[in-house]
Amino acid sequence: MKENINLNLYKIFYEVAKNGSISITAQKSYISQPAISKSIKSLEQAYQQKLFHRTSKGMVLTESGEQLYKCVDEALSMLNYAEEQLFAKNNIKKGTLKIGAPSHIISLILMEEIYEFHKKYPNIEMTIICRSTEELIKMLRNDNIDIIIDIISYKDEISGLSIKKLKDMVHCFVVKTDSNFINYKTKHSLKELENLPLILPAKHSSHRRKIEEIAKMHQTKYNNVFSIETSEIICEAVKNNCGIGYILEDVVKKDLQEGTMKKIQLKEKLPKVSLYLIYKEKNLSSYSLTFITDYLKEI
């Protein structure tokens, strides 16, 4: 093994460990399942140890497999780093950057920064992945994305990962400027919104739970509610004069600046949330660092 290291065997082992499945690895790598099984068997014979438990739920690393996986993970990270450095030496800006975030964070908060980065570094292939927070964290742990930009409610979701607060954001109620639902020029209480048509986030969302908790504290129950899953559609519903939208102020910042929407002034304080950058410290590429350092500070 020392004289003739077959790197392909380790790469296949690494992908099977990440995917937890030979069939999924075969689909992604375009290598047949028998060839993948043979590669795993070759490694196990070379080390004279089982690297995987074959279970009904997939391929699970043994203790020896876990040890090998950590070493291969570090080795591949070092190879990627070396490749970047060699490209950089010749001013060749090539590589990939995979960003994970909810769709409304991308389209309504980050799109301008992403566009500017792509314009400056057109040879860096950018991939934007919009999934649930749970899915994104799983992808980050499996090295399928480089960074996550998201609102995290519970810190234990990201144990073992690095986290950096980017900014605090506050919710607000907004209406279309020519709406006659409410006079946005005067201050109102939450109680005054009780029977007005409200456009709120879906019931299962943390944003909805928080605003209902605050309403309950002020002996208020909303009776005319239009529940919508995404911030983008809440925005469209407000623009179509369907009601008063409850949304993060950063999401509608452009509309407020342009005057197409107006914020309702409230006597009570509305919930704040924090936007975080989540990443694996040792896996940050120079492209990720450039995006974080030069572009995220602008949001």
C-alpha atoms as a PDB file:
ATOM      1  CA  MET A   1       0.000   0.000   0.000  1.00  0.00           C
ATOM      2  CA  LYS A   2       2.809   2.418   0.806  1.00  0.00           C
ATOM      3  CA  GLU A   3       4.528   2.072  -2.571  1.00  0.00           C
ATOM      4  CA  ASN A   4       1.466   2.155  -4.814  1.00  0.00           C
ATOM      5  CA  ILE A   5      -1.340   4.137  -3.209  1.00  0.00           C
ATOM      6  CA  ASN A   6      -4.502   3.924  -5.295  1.00  0.00           C
ATOM      7  CA  LEU A   7      -6.152   7.290  -4.636  1.00  0.00           C
ATOM      8  CA  ASN A   8      -9.296   6.220  -6.494  1.00  0.00           C
ATOM      9  CA  LEU A   9      -9.987   3.595  -3.823  1.00  0.00           C
ATOM     10  CA  TYR A  10      -9.872   6.241  -1.112  1.00  0.00           C
ATOM     11  CA  LYS A  11     -12.045   8.637  -3.123  1.00  0.00           C
ATOM     12  CA  ILE A  12     -14.699   5.933  -3.625  1.00  0.00           C
ATOM     13  CA  PHE A  13     -14.505   4.976   0.063  1.00  0.00           C
ATOM     14  CA  TYR A  14     -14.942   8.655   0.999  1.00  0.00           C
ATOM     15  CA  GLU A  15     -18.000   9.108  -1.240  1.00  0.00           C
ATOM     16  CA  VAL A  16     -19.684   5.928   0.032  1.00  0.00           C
ATOM     17  CA  ALA A  17     -19.095   7.083   3.622  1.00  0.00           C
ATOM     18  CA  LYS A  18     -20.580  10.526   2.848  1.00  0.00           C
ATOM     19  CA  ASN A  19     -23.596   9.146   0.982  1.00  0.00           C
ATOM     20  CA  GLY A  20     -24.124   6.166   3.279  1.00  0.00           C
ATOM     21  CA  SER A  21     -25.026   4.161   0.205  1.00  0.00           C
ATOM     22  CA  ILE A  22     -23.317   2.324  -2.648  1.00  0.00           C
ATOM     23  CA  SER A  23     -26.265   2.871  -5.010  1.00  0.00           C
ATOM     24  CA  ILE A  24     -26.376   6.641  -4.414  1.00  0.00           C
ATOM     25  CA  THR A  25     -22.599   6.847  -4.909  1.00  0.00           C
ATOM     26  CA  ALA A  26     -22.948   4.890  -8.161  1.00  0.00           C
ATOM     27  CA  GLN A  27     -25.589   7.346  -9.430  1.00  0.00           C
ATOM     28  CA  LYS A  28     -23.535  10.415  -8.529  1.00  0.00           C
ATOM     29  CA  SER A  29     -20.145   9.129  -9.735  1.00  0.00           C
ATOM     30  CA  TYR A  30     -21.287   7.131 -12.784  1.00  0.00           C
ATOM     31  CA  ILE A  31     -19.358   4.108 -11.492  1.00  0.00           C
ATOM     32  CA  SER A  32     -21.137   0.759 -11.397  1.00  0.00           C
ATOM     33  CA  GLN A  33     -22.212  -0.669  -8.047  1.00  0.00           C
ATOM     34  CA  PRO A  34     -20.104  -3.837  -8.509  1.00  0.00           C
ATOM     35  CA  ALA A  35     -17.010  -1.672  -9.170  1.00  0.00           C
ATOM     36  CA  ILE A  36     -17.684   0.367  -6.002  1.00  0.00           C
ATOM     37  CA  SER A  37     -18.209  -2.797  -3.923  1.00  0.00           C
ATOM     38  CA  LYS A  38     -14.959  -4.215  -5.329  1.00  0.00           C
ATOM     39  CA  SER A  39     -13.061  -1.036  -4.370  1.00  0.00           C
ATOM     40  CA  ILE A  40     -14.384  -1.159  -0.790  1.00  0.00           C
ATOM     41  CA  LYS A  41     -13.490  -4.862  -0.576  1.00  0.00           C
ATOM     42  CA  SER A  42      -9.950  -4.127  -1.837  1.00  0.00           C
ATOM     43  CA  LEU A  43      -9.419  -1.565   0.925  1.00  0.00           C
ATOM     44  CA  GLU A  44     -10.817  -3.880   3.583  1.00  0.00           C
ATOM     45  CA  GLN A  45      -8.556  -6.701   2.403  1.00  0.00           C
ATOM     46  CA  ALA A  46      -5.541  -4.377   2.383  1.00  0.00           C
ATOM     47  CA  TYR A  47      -6.190  -3.296   5.971  1.00  0.00           C
ATOM     48  CA  GLN A  48      -7.594  -6.659   7.026  1.00  0.00           C
ATOM     49  CA  GLN A  49     -10.397  -4.813   8.769  1.00  0.00           C
ATOM     50  CA  LYS A  50     -14.048  -4.127   8.104  1.00  0.00           C
ATOM     51  CA  LEU A  51     -14.604  -0.484   7.150  1.00  0.00           C
ATOM     52  CA  PHE A  52     -18.397  -0.609   6.859  1.00  0.00           C
ATOM     53  CA  HIS A  53     -21.333  -2.339   8.473  1.00  0.00           C
ATOM     54  CA  ARG A  54     -23.743  -3.347   5.698  1.00  0.00           C
ATOM     55  CA  THR A  55     -27.207  -2.615   7.152  1.00  0.00           C
ATOM     56  CA  SER A  56     -30.752  -2.396   5.798  1.00  0.00           C
ATOM     57  CA  LYS A  57     -30.480   1.384   6.113  1.00  0.00           C
ATOM     58  CA  GLY A  58     -27.214   1.607   4.186  1.00  0.00           C
ATOM     59  CA  MET A  59     -23.469   1.626   4.702  1.00  0.00           C
ATOM     60  CA  VAL A  60     -22.410   2.590   8.233  1.00  0.00           C
ATOM     61  CA  LEU A  61     -18.759   3.172   9.115  1.00  0.00           C
ATOM     62  CA  THR A  62     -17.093   0.877  11.628  1.00  0.00           C
ATOM     63  CA  GLU A  63     -14.709   2.315  14.203  1.00  0.00           C
ATOM     64  CA  SER A  64     -11.798   1.627  11.807  1.00  0.00           C
ATOM     65  CA  GLY A  65     -13.814   3.155   8.982  1.00  0.00           C
ATOM     66  CA  GLU A  66     -14.417   6.325  11.023  1.00  0.00           C
ATOM     67  CA  GLN A  67     -10.692   6.628  11.656  1.00  0.00           C
ATOM     68  CA  LEU A  68      -9.873   6.214   7.961  1.00  0.00           C
ATOM     69  CA  TYR A  69     -12.624   8.636   6.929  1.00  0.00           C
ATOM     70  CA  LYS A  70     -11.178  11.418   9.096  1.00  0.00           C
ATOM     71  CA  CYS A  71      -7.738  10.918   7.570  1.00  0.00           C
ATOM     72  CA  VAL A  72      -9.062  10.859   3.997  1.00  0.00           C
ATOM     73  CA  ASP A  73     -11.211  13.934   4.699  1.00  0.00           C
ATOM     74  CA  GLU A  74      -8.159  15.869   5.907  1.00  0.00           C
ATOM     75  CA  ALA A  75      -6.049  14.647   2.970  1.00  0.00           C
ATOM     76  CA  LEU A  76      -8.644  15.724   0.390  1.00  0.00           C
ATOM     77  CA  SER A  77      -8.995  19.112   2.073  1.00  0.00           C
ATOM     78  CA  MET A  78      -5.232  19.580   1.845  1.00  0.00           C
ATOM     79  CA  LEU A  79      -5.244  18.594  -1.839  1.00  0.00           C
ATOM     80  CA  ASN A  80      -8.018  21.110  -2.550  1.00  0.00           C
ATOM     81  CA  TYR A  81      -6.059  23.788  -0.698  1.00  0.00           C
ATOM     82  CA  ALA A  82      -2.876  22.967  -2.634  1.00  0.00           C
ATOM     83  CA  GLU A  83      -4.778  23.150  -5.922  1.00  0.00           C
ATOM     84  CA  GLU A  84      -6.150  26.583  -5.034  1.00  0.00           C
ATOM     85  CA  GLN A  85      -2.698  27.861  -4.098  1.00  0.00           C
ATOM     86  CA  LEU A  86      -1.172  26.664  -7.366  1.00  0.00           C
ATOM     87  CA  PHE A  87      -3.952  28.264  -9.381  1.00  0.00           C
ATOM     88  CA  ALA A  88      -3.569  31.474  -7.383  1.00  0.00           C
ATOM     89  CA  LYS A  89       0.201  31.502  -8.048  1.00  0.00           C
ATOM     90  CA  ASN A  90      -0.540  31.924 -11.739  1.00  0.00           C
ATOM     91  CA  ASN A  91      -3.495  34.249 -11.131  1.00  0.00           C
ATOM     92  CA  ILE A  92      -5.887  31.597 -12.390  1.00  0.00           C
ATOM     93  CA  LYS A  93      -9.152  32.219 -10.539  1.00  0.00           C
ATOM     94  CA  LYS A  94     -10.833  28.862 -10.915  1.00  0.00           C
ATOM     95  CA  GLY A  95     -12.824  26.817  -8.465  1.00  0.00           C
ATOM     96  CA  THR A  96     -16.265  26.355  -6.962  1.00  0.00           C
ATOM     97  CA  LEU A  97     -18.325  28.055  -4.272  1.00  0.00           C
ATOM     98  CA  LYS A  98     -21.489  26.386  -2.967  1.00  0.00           C
ATOM     99  CA  ILE A  99     -23.779  28.528  -0.827  1.00  0.00           C
ATOM    100  CA  GLY A 100     -26.756  27.127   1.073  1.00  0.00           C
ATOM    101  CA  ALA A 101     -29.600  29.365   2.254  1.00  0.00           C
ATOM    102  CA  PRO A 102     -33.404  29.611   2.260  1.00  0.00           C
ATOM    103  CA  SER A 103     -34.769  31.010  -1.004  1.00  0.00           C
ATOM    104  CA  HIS A 104     -35.970  34.297   0.513  1.00  0.00           C
ATOM    105  CA  ILE A 105     -32.549  34.974   2.064  1.00  0.00           C
ATOM    106  CA  ILE A 106     -30.933  34.468  -1.355  1.00  0.00           C
ATOM    107  CA  SER A 107     -33.423  36.306  -3.548  1.00  0.00           C
ATOM    108  CA  LEU A 108     -34.347  39.178  -1.238  1.00  0.00           C
ATOM    109  CA  ILE A 109     -31.185  39.777   0.824  1.00  0.00           C
ATOM    110  CA  LEU A 110     -28.095  38.220  -0.803  1.00  0.00           C
ATOM    111  CA  MET A 111     -28.708  38.361  -4.563  1.00  0.00           C
ATOM    112  CA  GLU A 112     -26.866  41.628  -5.157  1.00  0.00           C
ATOM    113  CA  GLU A 113     -23.741  40.419  -3.308  1.00  0.00           C
ATOM    114  CA  ILE A 114     -23.801  37.075  -5.145  1.00  0.00           C
ATOM    115  CA  TYR A 115     -24.120  38.862  -8.488  1.00  0.00           C
ATOM    116  CA  GLU A 116     -21.215  41.221  -7.712  1.00  0.00           C
ATOM    117  CA  PHE A 117     -18.998  38.302  -6.656  1.00  0.00           C
ATOM    118  CA  HIS A 118     -19.837  36.373  -9.834  1.00  0.00           C
ATOM    119  CA  LYS A 119     -19.172  39.437 -11.968  1.00  0.00           C
ATOM    120  CA  LYS A 120     -15.689  39.825 -10.463  1.00  0.00           C
ATOM    121  CA  TYR A 121     -14.847  36.090 -10.450  1.00  0.00           C
ATOM    122  CA  PRO A 122     -16.658  34.639 -13.504  1.00  0.00           C
ATOM    123  CA  ASN A 123     -14.451  31.528 -13.585  1.00  0.00           C
ATOM    124  CA  ILE A 124     -15.506  30.457 -10.096  1.00  0.00           C
ATOM    125  CA  GLU A 125     -18.513  28.204 -10.505  1.00  0.00           C
ATOM    126  CA  MET A 126     -21.170  29.291  -8.022  1.00  0.00           C
ATOM    127  CA  THR A 127     -23.950  26.964  -6.893  1.00  0.00           C
ATOM    128  CA  ILE A 128     -26.877  28.243  -4.832  1.00  0.00           C
ATOM    129  CA  ILE A 129     -28.759  25.575  -2.888  1.00  0.00           C
ATOM    130  CA  CYS A 130     -32.087  26.408  -1.221  1.00  0.00           C
ATOM    131  CA  ARG A 131     -33.305  23.797   1.259  1.00  0.00           C
ATOM    132  CA  SER A 132     -34.616  23.613   4.805  1.00  0.00           C
ATOM    133  CA  THR A 133     -32.197  24.471   7.614  1.00  0.00           C
ATOM    134  CA  GLU A 134     -32.011  20.809   8.638  1.00  0.00           C
ATOM    135  CA  GLU A 135     -31.111  19.686   5.109  1.00  0.00           C
ATOM    136  CA  LEU A 136     -28.517  22.435   4.675  1.00  0.00           C
ATOM    137  CA  ILE A 137     -26.755  21.526   7.927  1.00  0.00           C
ATOM    138  CA  LYS A 138     -26.627  17.886   6.854  1.00  0.00           C
ATOM    139  CA  MET A 139     -25.148  18.923   3.498  1.00  0.00           C
ATOM    140  CA  LEU A 140     -22.523  21.089   5.235  1.00  0.00           C
ATOM    141  CA  ARG A 141     -21.533  18.237   7.536  1.00  0.00           C
ATOM    142  CA  ASN A 142     -21.162  15.999   4.461  1.00  0.00           C
ATOM    143  CA  ASP A 143     -19.082  18.656   2.631  1.00  0.00           C
ATOM    144  CA  ASN A 144     -21.704  19.104  -0.091  1.00  0.00           C
ATOM    145  CA  ILE A 145     -21.799  22.873   0.451  1.00  0.00           C
ATOM    146  CA  ASP A 146     -19.194  25.392   1.633  1.00  0.00           C
ATOM    147  CA  ILE A 147     -21.216  27.817   3.755  1.00  0.00           C
ATOM    148  CA  ILE A 148     -24.754  28.325   5.066  1.00  0.00           C
ATOM    149  CA  ILE A 149     -26.436  31.692   5.550  1.00  0.00           C
ATOM    150  CA  ASP A 150     -29.591  31.271   7.600  1.00  0.00           C
ATOM    151  CA  ILE A 151     -31.598  32.166  10.683  1.00  0.00           C
ATOM    152  CA  ILE A 152     -30.926  29.560  13.367  1.00  0.00           C
ATOM    153  CA  SER A 153     -33.441  29.205  16.192  1.00  0.00           C
ATOM    154  CA  TYR A 154     -31.651  26.534  18.228  1.00  0.00           C
ATOM    155  CA  LYS A 155     -27.865  26.542  18.564  1.00  0.00           C
ATOM    156  CA  ASP A 156     -27.713  22.811  19.314  1.00  0.00           C
ATOM    157  CA  GLU A 157     -28.666  22.230  15.657  1.00  0.00           C
ATOM    158  CA  ILE A 158     -25.155  23.277  14.687  1.00  0.00           C
ATOM    159  CA  SER A 159     -23.002  21.642  17.345  1.00  0.00           C
ATOM    160  CA  GLY A 160     -19.472  21.053  16.081  1.00  0.00           C
ATOM    161  CA  LEU A 161     -19.758  23.715  13.361  1.00  0.00           C
ATOM    162  CA  SER A 162     -18.457  27.295  13.370  1.00  0.00           C
ATOM    163  CA  ILE A 163     -20.968  30.129  13.533  1.00  0.00           C
ATOM    164  CA  LYS A 164     -20.736  33.891  13.076  1.00  0.00           C
ATOM    165  CA  LYS A 165     -23.554  36.404  13.488  1.00  0.00           C
ATOM    166  CA  LEU A 166     -23.943  38.568  10.386  1.00  0.00           C
ATOM    167  CA  LYS A 167     -26.727  40.879  11.527  1.00  0.00           C
ATOM    168  CA  ASP A 168     -29.876  41.255  13.617  1.00  0.00           C
ATOM    169  CA  MET A 169     -33.161  41.632  11.754  1.00  0.00           C
ATOM    170  CA  VAL A 170     -36.557  42.803  12.981  1.00  0.00           C
ATOM    171  CA  HIS A 171     -40.049  41.883  11.814  1.00  0.00           C
ATOM    172  CA  CYS A 172     -42.611  44.434  10.713  1.00  0.00           C
ATOM    173  CA  PHE A 173     -46.146  44.735   9.360  1.00  0.00           C
ATOM    174  CA  VAL A 174     -46.387  46.286   5.883  1.00  0.00           C
ATOM    175  CA  VAL A 175     -49.122  47.312   3.458  1.00  0.00           C
ATOM    176  CA  LYS A 176     -49.260  48.372  -0.151  1.00  0.00           C
ATOM    177  CA  THR A 177     -48.890  52.149  -0.256  1.00  0.00           C
ATOM    178  CA  ASP A 178     -52.336  52.811  -1.753  1.00  0.00           C
ATOM    179  CA  SER A 179     -54.055  50.318   0.573  1.00  0.00           C
ATOM    180  CA  ASN A 180     -56.966  51.467   2.731  1.00  0.00           C
ATOM    181  CA  PHE A 181     -56.723  48.639   5.296  1.00  0.00           C
ATOM    182  CA  ILE A 182     -55.124  50.911   7.896  1.00  0.00           C
ATOM    183  CA  ASN A 183     -53.648  54.377   8.284  1.00  0.00           C
ATOM    184  CA  TYR A 184     -49.894  53.720   8.270  1.00  0.00           C
ATOM    185  CA  LYS A 185     -49.124  57.334   9.207  1.00  0.00           C
ATOM    186  CA  THR A 186     -50.278  56.882  12.806  1.00  0.00           C
ATOM    187  CA  LYS A 187     -49.177  54.478  15.541  1.00  0.00           C
ATOM    188  CA  HIS A 188     -51.296  51.434  16.242  1.00  0.00           C
ATOM    189  CA  SER A 189     -51.441  48.650  18.809  1.00  0.00           C
ATOM    190  CA  LEU A 190     -51.446  44.953  17.942  1.00  0.00           C
ATOM    191  CA  LYS A 191     -55.023  44.843  19.264  1.00  0.00           C
ATOM    192  CA  GLU A 192     -56.111  47.146  16.430  1.00  0.00           C
ATOM    193  CA  LEU A 193     -54.969  44.540  13.879  1.00  0.00           C
ATOM    194  CA  GLU A 194     -57.145  41.825  15.415  1.00  0.00           C
ATOM    195  CA  ASN A 195     -59.888  41.778  12.743  1.00  0.00           C
ATOM    196  CA  LEU A 196     -57.935  43.183   9.807  1.00  0.00           C
ATOM    197  CA  PRO A 197     -56.818  40.927   6.910  1.00  0.00           C
ATOM    198  CA  LEU A 198     -53.342  39.723   7.867  1.00  0.00           C
ATOM    199  CA  ILE A 199     -50.842  37.793   5.748  1.00  0.00           C
ATOM    200  CA  LEU A 200     -48.786  35.692   8.162  1.00  0.00           C
ATOM    201  CA  PRO A 201     -46.104  32.992   7.788  1.00  0.00           C
ATOM    202  CA  ALA A 202     -47.288  29.368   7.839  1.00  0.00           C
ATOM    203  CA  LYS A 203     -48.456  28.031  11.211  1.00  0.00           C
ATOM    204  CA  HIS A 204     -45.529  25.634  11.649  1.00  0.00           C
ATOM    205  CA  SER A 205     -42.897  28.374  11.274  1.00  0.00           C
ATOM    206  CA  SER A 206     -41.008  29.855  14.226  1.00  0.00           C
ATOM    207  CA  HIS A 207     -41.862  33.383  12.984  1.00  0.00           C
ATOM    208  CA  ARG A 208     -45.597  32.615  13.214  1.00  0.00           C
ATOM    209  CA  ARG A 209     -45.269  31.088  16.663  1.00  0.00           C
ATOM    210  CA  LYS A 210     -43.429  34.140  17.996  1.00  0.00           C
ATOM    211  CA  ILE A 211     -45.914  36.714  16.695  1.00  0.00           C
ATOM    212  CA  GLU A 212     -48.822  34.671  18.080  1.00  0.00           C
ATOM    213  CA  GLU A 213     -47.087  34.472  21.472  1.00  0.00           C
ATOM    214  CA  ILE A 214     -46.729  38.266  21.516  1.00  0.00           C
ATOM    215  CA  ALA A 215     -50.353  38.695  20.432  1.00  0.00           C
ATOM    216  CA  LYS A 216     -51.479  36.424  23.265  1.00  0.00           C
ATOM    217  CA  MET A 217     -49.457  38.494  25.760  1.00  0.00           C
ATOM    218  CA  HIS A 218     -51.508  41.519  24.635  1.00  0.00           C
ATOM    219  CA  GLN A 219     -54.861  39.664  24.815  1.00  0.00           C
ATOM    220  CA  THR A 220     -55.084  39.631  21.026  1.00  0.00           C
ATOM    221  CA  LYS A 221     -56.203  36.892  18.655  1.00  0.00           C
ATOM    222  CA  TYR A 222     -56.003  37.328  14.889  1.00  0.00           C
ATOM    223  CA  ASN A 223     -59.261  36.375  13.185  1.00  0.00           C
ATOM    224  CA  ASN A 224     -58.691  37.134   9.502  1.00  0.00           C
ATOM    225  CA  VAL A 225     -55.479  35.354   8.524  1.00  0.00           C
ATOM    226  CA  PHE A 226     -54.034  34.342   5.172  1.00  0.00           C
ATOM    227  CA  SER A 227     -51.166  31.878   5.884  1.00  0.00           C
ATOM    228  CA  ILE A 228     -48.339  31.714   3.351  1.00  0.00           C
ATOM    229  CA  GLU A 229     -45.265  29.456   3.335  1.00  0.00           C
ATOM    230  CA  THR A 230     -42.604  31.740   1.832  1.00  0.00           C
ATOM    231  CA  SER A 231     -41.547  35.373   2.252  1.00  0.00           C
ATOM    232  CA  GLU A 232     -41.473  35.871  -1.529  1.00  0.00           C
ATOM    233  CA  ILE A 233     -45.179  35.006  -1.810  1.00  0.00           C
ATOM    234  CA  ILE A 234     -46.036  37.132   1.243  1.00  0.00           C
ATOM    235  CA  CYS A 235     -44.424  40.056  -0.604  1.00  0.00           C
ATOM    236  CA  GLU A 236     -46.451  39.338  -3.742  1.00  0.00           C
ATOM    237  CA  ALA A 237     -49.658  39.062  -1.720  1.00  0.00           C
ATOM    238  CA  VAL A 238     -49.020  42.490  -0.142  1.00  0.00           C
ATOM    239  CA  LYS A 239     -48.268  44.002  -3.569  1.00  0.00           C
ATOM    240  CA  ASN A 240     -51.556  42.550  -4.817  1.00  0.00           C
ATOM    241  CA  ASN A 241     -53.333  44.250  -1.895  1.00  0.00           C
ATOM    242  CA  CYS A 242     -54.452  40.986  -0.280  1.00  0.00           C
ATOM    243  CA  GLY A 243     -53.826  42.262   3.227  1.00  0.00           C
ATOM    244  CA  ILE A 244     -51.252  43.420   5.775  1.00  0.00           C
ATOM    245  CA  GLY A 245     -48.056  41.370   5.593  1.00  0.00           C
ATOM    246  CA  TYR A 246     -45.888  40.270   8.513  1.00  0.00           C
ATOM    247  CA  ILE A 247     -42.304  39.935   7.308  1.00  0.00           C
ATOM    248  CA  LEU A 248     -38.655  40.730   8.045  1.00  0.00           C
ATOM    249  CA  GLU A 249     -37.912  44.389   7.357  1.00  0.00           C
ATOM    250  CA  ASP A 250     -34.704  43.488   5.477  1.00  0.00           C
ATOM    251  CA  VAL A 251     -36.743  41.405   3.042  1.00  0.00           C
ATOM    252  CA  VAL A 252     -38.905  44.389   2.019  1.00  0.00           C
ATOM    253  CA  LYS A 253     -36.201  47.064   2.406  1.00  0.00           C
ATOM    254  CA  LYS A 254     -36.158  47.861  -1.318  1.00  0.00           C
ATOM    255  CA  ASP A 255     -39.963  48.157  -1.477  1.00  0.00           C
ATOM    256  CA  LEU A 256     -39.966  50.474   1.530  1.00  0.00           C
ATOM    257  CA  GLN A 257     -37.215  52.611  -0.002  1.00  0.00           C
ATOM    258  CA  GLU A 258     -39.021  52.802  -3.347  1.00  0.00           C
ATOM    259  CA  GLY A 259     -42.331  53.585  -1.658  1.00  0.00           C
ATOM    260  CA  THR A 260     -44.330  50.645  -3.024  1.00  0.00           C
ATOM    261  CA  MET A 261     -44.922  49.456   0.562  1.00  0.00           C
ATOM    262  CA  LYS A 262     -45.328  51.276   3.850  1.00  0.00           C
ATOM    263  CA  LYS A 263     -44.449  50.026   7.331  1.00  0.00           C
ATOM    264  CA  ILE A 264     -47.135  50.183  10.001  1.00  0.00           C
ATOM    265  CA  GLN A 265     -45.925  51.946  13.138  1.00  0.00           C
ATOM    266  CA  LEU A 266     -46.661  49.857  16.232  1.00  0.00           C
ATOM    267  CA  LYS A 267     -46.607  50.637  19.937  1.00  0.00           C
ATOM    268  CA  GLU A 268     -45.322  47.140  20.764  1.00  0.00           C
ATOM    269  CA  LYS A 269     -41.897  45.778  19.841  1.00  0.00           C
ATOM    270  CA  LEU A 270     -41.883  42.955  17.308  1.00  0.00           C
ATOM    271  CA  PRO A 271     -39.545  39.928  17.433  1.00  0.00           C
ATOM    272  CA  LYS A 272     -35.941  40.127  16.308  1.00  0.00           C
ATOM    273  CA  VAL A 273     -33.982  37.310  14.706  1.00  0.00           C
ATOM    274  CA  SER A 274     -30.322  36.936  13.818  1.00  0.00           C
ATOM    275  CA  LEU A 275     -28.826  35.968  10.473  1.00  0.00           C
ATOM    276  CA  TYR A 276     -25.831  33.649  10.832  1.00  0.00           C
ATOM    277  CA  LEU A 277     -22.980  32.360   8.736  1.00  0.00           C
ATOM    278  CA  ILE A 278     -22.362  28.654   9.429  1.00  0.00           C
ATOM    279  CA  TYR A 279     -19.297  26.822   8.154  1.00  0.00           C
ATOM    280  CA  LYS A 280     -16.580  24.268   8.808  1.00  0.00           C
ATOM    281  CA  GLU A 281     -13.452  26.174   9.811  1.00  0.00           C
ATOM    282  CA  LYS A 282     -10.936  23.763   8.258  1.00  0.00           C
ATOM    283  CA  ASN A 283     -12.897  23.468   5.006  1.00  0.00           C
ATOM    284  CA  LEU A 284     -13.123  27.160   4.110  1.00  0.00           C
ATOM    285  CA  SER A 285     -11.599  27.703   0.663  1.00  0.00           C
ATOM    286  CA  SER A 286      -9.992  30.975  -0.378  1.00  0.00           C
ATOM    287  CA  TYR A 287     -13.101  31.667  -2.501  1.00  0.00           C
ATOM    288  CA  SER A 288     -15.376  31.187   0.510  1.00  0.00           C
ATOM    289  CA  LEU A 289     -13.166  33.486   2.582  1.00  0.00           C
ATOM    290  CA  THR A 290     -13.208  36.136  -0.147  1.00  0.00           C
ATOM    291  CA  PHE A 291     -16.988  36.036  -0.368  1.00  0.00           C
ATOM    292  CA  ILE A 292     -17.346  36.195   3.425  1.00  0.00           C
ATOM    293  CA  THR A 293     -14.788  38.952   3.944  1.00  0.00           C
ATOM    294  CA  ASP A 294     -15.528  41.194   0.960  1.00  0.00           C
ATOM    295  CA  TYR A 295     -19.231  40.702   0.293  1.00  0.00           C
ATOM    296  CA  LEU A 296     -21.161  39.532   3.360  1.00  0.00           C
ATOM    297  CA  LYS A 297     -20.141  42.622   5.320  1.00  0.00           C
ATOM    298  CA  GLU A 298     -22.323  44.652   2.925  1.00  0.00           C
ATOM    299  CA  ILE A 299     -25.641  42.981   3.749  1.00  0.00           C
END
